[in-house]
Amino acid sequence: MLLHSAFENILRNAVRHAPRGSEVTIAAAADDAAFYAISIADCGPGVPGAMLERIFEPFVRVDDARTAPKEGSGGGFGLGLAIARRAIVAHGGTIGAENRPGGGLVMTVRLPRNA
């Protein structure tokens, strides 16, 4: 249930910040003998570099840098990614974010194969 909630939060953010008509890409692979790597990438404006680690802290929001929420999507309170990180770490994994060279953000989750 915790992992379901984590991925739901990550995907909801990607969809919320992706421009209409663009894609959110999900990829999964075994990155070595012990871990799976799952990446979720959007084509939105990305996140300022100084905020890439802080977005996983409770109540931290990236002002309007990732655009205003789409109509009906709600603004959120800055808890979704903090909840996601807590759930992923509880399963022995990690989560990180990086800006994509062509624009957008990619979240990468690494989970042990036995999670």
C-alpha atoms as a PDB file:
ATOM      1  CA  MET A   1       0.000   0.000   0.000  1.00  0.00           C
ATOM      2  CA  LEU A   2       2.828   2.402   0.833  1.00  0.00           C
ATOM      3  CA  LEU A   3       4.543   1.889  -2.519  1.00  0.00           C
ATOM      4  CA  HIS A   4       1.231   2.350  -4.313  1.00  0.00           C
ATOM      5  CA  SER A   5       0.798   5.692  -2.553  1.00  0.00           C
ATOM      6  CA  ALA A   6       4.388   6.690  -3.357  1.00  0.00           C
ATOM      7  CA  PHE A   7       4.048   6.047  -7.074  1.00  0.00           C
ATOM      8  CA  GLU A   8       0.619   7.679  -7.166  1.00  0.00           C
ATOM      9  CA  ASN A   9       2.114  10.867  -5.681  1.00  0.00           C
ATOM     10  CA  ILE A  10       5.033  10.881  -8.130  1.00  0.00           C
ATOM     11  CA  LEU A  11       2.789  10.275 -11.149  1.00  0.00           C
ATOM     12  CA  ARG A  12       0.235  12.858 -10.029  1.00  0.00           C
ATOM     13  CA  ASN A  13       2.996  15.479  -9.818  1.00  0.00           C
ATOM     14  CA  ALA A  14       4.344  14.558 -13.250  1.00  0.00           C
ATOM     15  CA  VAL A  15       0.911  14.843 -14.850  1.00  0.00           C
ATOM     16  CA  ARG A  16       0.122  18.055 -12.981  1.00  0.00           C
ATOM     17  CA  HIS A  17       3.259  19.779 -14.256  1.00  0.00           C
ATOM     18  CA  ALA A  18       3.380  18.387 -17.786  1.00  0.00           C
ATOM     19  CA  PRO A  19       2.011  20.698 -20.473  1.00  0.00           C
ATOM     20  CA  ARG A  20      -1.233  19.631 -22.106  1.00  0.00           C
ATOM     21  CA  GLY A  21      -0.577  17.328 -25.035  1.00  0.00           C
ATOM     22  CA  SER A  22       2.859  16.288 -23.783  1.00  0.00           C
ATOM     23  CA  GLU A  23       3.877  12.900 -22.464  1.00  0.00           C
ATOM     24  CA  VAL A  24       4.777  11.503 -19.087  1.00  0.00           C
ATOM     25  CA  THR A  25       7.156   8.594 -19.602  1.00  0.00           C
ATOM     26  CA  ILE A  26       7.554   5.642 -17.242  1.00  0.00           C
ATOM     27  CA  ALA A  27      10.449   3.210 -17.631  1.00  0.00           C
ATOM     28  CA  ALA A  28      11.521   0.299 -15.463  1.00  0.00           C
ATOM     29  CA  ALA A  29      14.573  -1.947 -15.588  1.00  0.00           C
ATOM     30  CA  ALA A  30      16.787  -4.057 -13.397  1.00  0.00           C
ATOM     31  CA  ASP A  31      19.787  -1.782 -12.940  1.00  0.00           C
ATOM     32  CA  ASP A  32      21.928  -4.469 -11.304  1.00  0.00           C
ATOM     33  CA  ALA A  33      21.508  -7.813  -9.579  1.00  0.00           C
ATOM     34  CA  ALA A  34      19.790  -6.388  -6.511  1.00  0.00           C
ATOM     35  CA  PHE A  35      17.748  -3.339  -7.591  1.00  0.00           C
ATOM     36  CA  TYR A  36      15.028  -2.200  -9.947  1.00  0.00           C
ATOM     37  CA  ALA A  37      15.137   1.341 -11.287  1.00  0.00           C
ATOM     38  CA  ILE A  38      11.870   3.051 -12.166  1.00  0.00           C
ATOM     39  CA  SER A  39      11.907   6.483 -13.768  1.00  0.00           C
ATOM     40  CA  ILE A  40       9.003   8.869 -14.303  1.00  0.00           C
ATOM     41  CA  ALA A  41       9.752  11.798 -16.608  1.00  0.00           C
ATOM     42  CA  ASP A  42       7.649  14.797 -17.571  1.00  0.00           C
ATOM     43  CA  CYS A  43       8.159  17.599 -20.091  1.00  0.00           C
ATOM     44  CA  GLY A  44       7.325  20.447 -17.725  1.00  0.00           C
ATOM     45  CA  PRO A  45       9.524  23.365 -16.676  1.00  0.00           C
ATOM     46  CA  GLY A  46      11.678  21.323 -14.268  1.00  0.00           C
ATOM     47  CA  VAL A  47      12.760  22.429 -10.808  1.00  0.00           C
ATOM     48  CA  PRO A  48      15.447  24.968  -9.873  1.00  0.00           C
ATOM     49  CA  GLY A  49      18.679  23.077  -9.189  1.00  0.00           C
ATOM     50  CA  ALA A  50      18.869  24.243  -5.577  1.00  0.00           C
ATOM     51  CA  MET A  51      15.438  22.708  -4.925  1.00  0.00           C
ATOM     52  CA  LEU A  52      16.052  19.232  -6.378  1.00  0.00           C
ATOM     53  CA  GLU A  53      16.793  17.671  -2.985  1.00  0.00           C
ATOM     54  CA  ARG A  54      14.478  19.882  -0.942  1.00  0.00           C
ATOM     55  CA  ILE A  55      11.329  18.869  -2.862  1.00  0.00           C
ATOM     56  CA  PHE A  56      11.298  15.663  -0.802  1.00  0.00           C
ATOM     57  CA  GLU A  57      10.994  17.579   2.495  1.00  0.00           C
ATOM     58  CA  PRO A  58       7.547  18.049   4.078  1.00  0.00           C
ATOM     59  CA  PHE A  59       5.730  21.300   3.199  1.00  0.00           C
ATOM     60  CA  VAL A  60       8.321  22.349   0.615  1.00  0.00           C
ATOM     61  CA  ARG A  61       6.805  23.619  -2.614  1.00  0.00           C
ATOM     62  CA  VAL A  62       8.531  25.064  -5.648  1.00  0.00           C
ATOM     63  CA  ASP A  63       6.584  28.338  -5.829  1.00  0.00           C
ATOM     64  CA  ASP A  64       5.361  28.884  -9.362  1.00  0.00           C
ATOM     65  CA  ALA A  65       8.552  27.597 -10.973  1.00  0.00           C
ATOM     66  CA  ARG A  66       6.710  24.487 -12.180  1.00  0.00           C
ATOM     67  CA  THR A  67       3.659  26.511 -13.245  1.00  0.00           C
ATOM     68  CA  ALA A  68       0.351  26.939 -11.518  1.00  0.00           C
ATOM     69  CA  PRO A  69      -1.663  23.762 -11.020  1.00  0.00           C
ATOM     70  CA  LYS A  70      -4.063  22.870 -13.813  1.00  0.00           C
ATOM     71  CA  GLU A  71      -7.722  23.566 -13.270  1.00  0.00           C
ATOM     72  CA  GLY A  72      -9.255  21.036 -10.905  1.00  0.00           C
ATOM     73  CA  SER A  73      -5.923  19.531  -9.852  1.00  0.00           C
ATOM     74  CA  GLY A  74      -5.604  21.310  -6.510  1.00  0.00           C
ATOM     75  CA  GLY A  75      -2.506  23.087  -5.291  1.00  0.00           C
ATOM     76  CA  GLY A  76      -1.276  20.584  -2.748  1.00  0.00           C
ATOM     77  CA  PHE A  77       0.527  21.215   0.500  1.00  0.00           C
ATOM     78  CA  GLY A  78       4.013  19.966  -0.325  1.00  0.00           C
ATOM     79  CA  LEU A  79       3.520  16.558   1.275  1.00  0.00           C
ATOM     80  CA  GLY A  80       3.251  14.176  -1.689  1.00  0.00           C
ATOM     81  CA  LEU A  81       6.954  13.733  -2.411  1.00  0.00           C
ATOM     82  CA  ALA A  82       7.814  13.622   1.303  1.00  0.00           C
ATOM     83  CA  ILE A  83       5.312  10.784   1.708  1.00  0.00           C
ATOM     84  CA  ALA A  84       6.722   9.070  -1.373  1.00  0.00           C
ATOM     85  CA  ARG A  85      10.294   9.262  -0.079  1.00  0.00           C
ATOM     86  CA  ARG A  86       9.312   7.934   3.332  1.00  0.00           C
ATOM     87  CA  ALA A  87       7.507   4.934   1.771  1.00  0.00           C
ATOM     88  CA  ILE A  88      10.353   4.164  -0.629  1.00  0.00           C
ATOM     89  CA  VAL A  89      13.003   4.383   2.095  1.00  0.00           C
ATOM     90  CA  ALA A  90      10.850   2.133   4.310  1.00  0.00           C
ATOM     91  CA  HIS A  91      11.164  -0.494   1.557  1.00  0.00           C
ATOM     92  CA  GLY A  92      14.961  -0.132   1.361  1.00  0.00           C
ATOM     93  CA  GLY A  93      14.936   2.119  -1.699  1.00  0.00           C
ATOM     94  CA  THR A  94      15.923   5.611  -2.770  1.00  0.00           C
ATOM     95  CA  ILE A  95      14.344   8.388  -4.818  1.00  0.00           C
ATOM     96  CA  GLY A  96      15.998  11.270  -6.600  1.00  0.00           C
ATOM     97  CA  ALA A  97      15.106  14.018  -9.033  1.00  0.00           C
ATOM     98  CA  GLU A  98      16.997  15.671 -11.848  1.00  0.00           C
ATOM     99  CA  ASN A  99      16.172  18.106 -14.592  1.00  0.00           C
ATOM    100  CA  ARG A 100      16.066  16.723 -18.120  1.00  0.00           C
ATOM    101  CA  PRO A 101      18.386  18.373 -20.655  1.00  0.00           C
ATOM    102  CA  GLY A 102      15.505  19.225 -23.027  1.00  0.00           C
ATOM    103  CA  GLY A 103      13.221  20.400 -20.228  1.00  0.00           C
ATOM    104  CA  GLY A 104      11.188  18.597 -17.650  1.00  0.00           C
ATOM    105  CA  LEU A 105      11.921  16.556 -14.577  1.00  0.00           C
ATOM    106  CA  VAL A 106      12.771  12.901 -14.108  1.00  0.00           C
ATOM    107  CA  MET A 107      12.236  11.094 -10.817  1.00  0.00           C
ATOM    108  CA  THR A 108      14.179   7.875 -10.351  1.00  0.00           C
ATOM    109  CA  VAL A 109      13.164   5.312  -7.766  1.00  0.00           C
ATOM    110  CA  ARG A 110      15.493   2.420  -6.912  1.00  0.00           C
ATOM    111  CA  LEU A 111      13.969  -0.471  -5.025  1.00  0.00           C
ATOM    112  CA  PRO A 112      15.540  -3.731  -3.941  1.00  0.00           C
ATOM    113  CA  ARG A 113      14.184  -6.678  -5.881  1.00  0.00           C
ATOM    114  CA  ASN A 114      12.862  -8.166  -2.665  1.00  0.00           C
ATOM    115  CA  ALA A 115      10.815  -5.038  -1.682  1.00  0.00           C
END
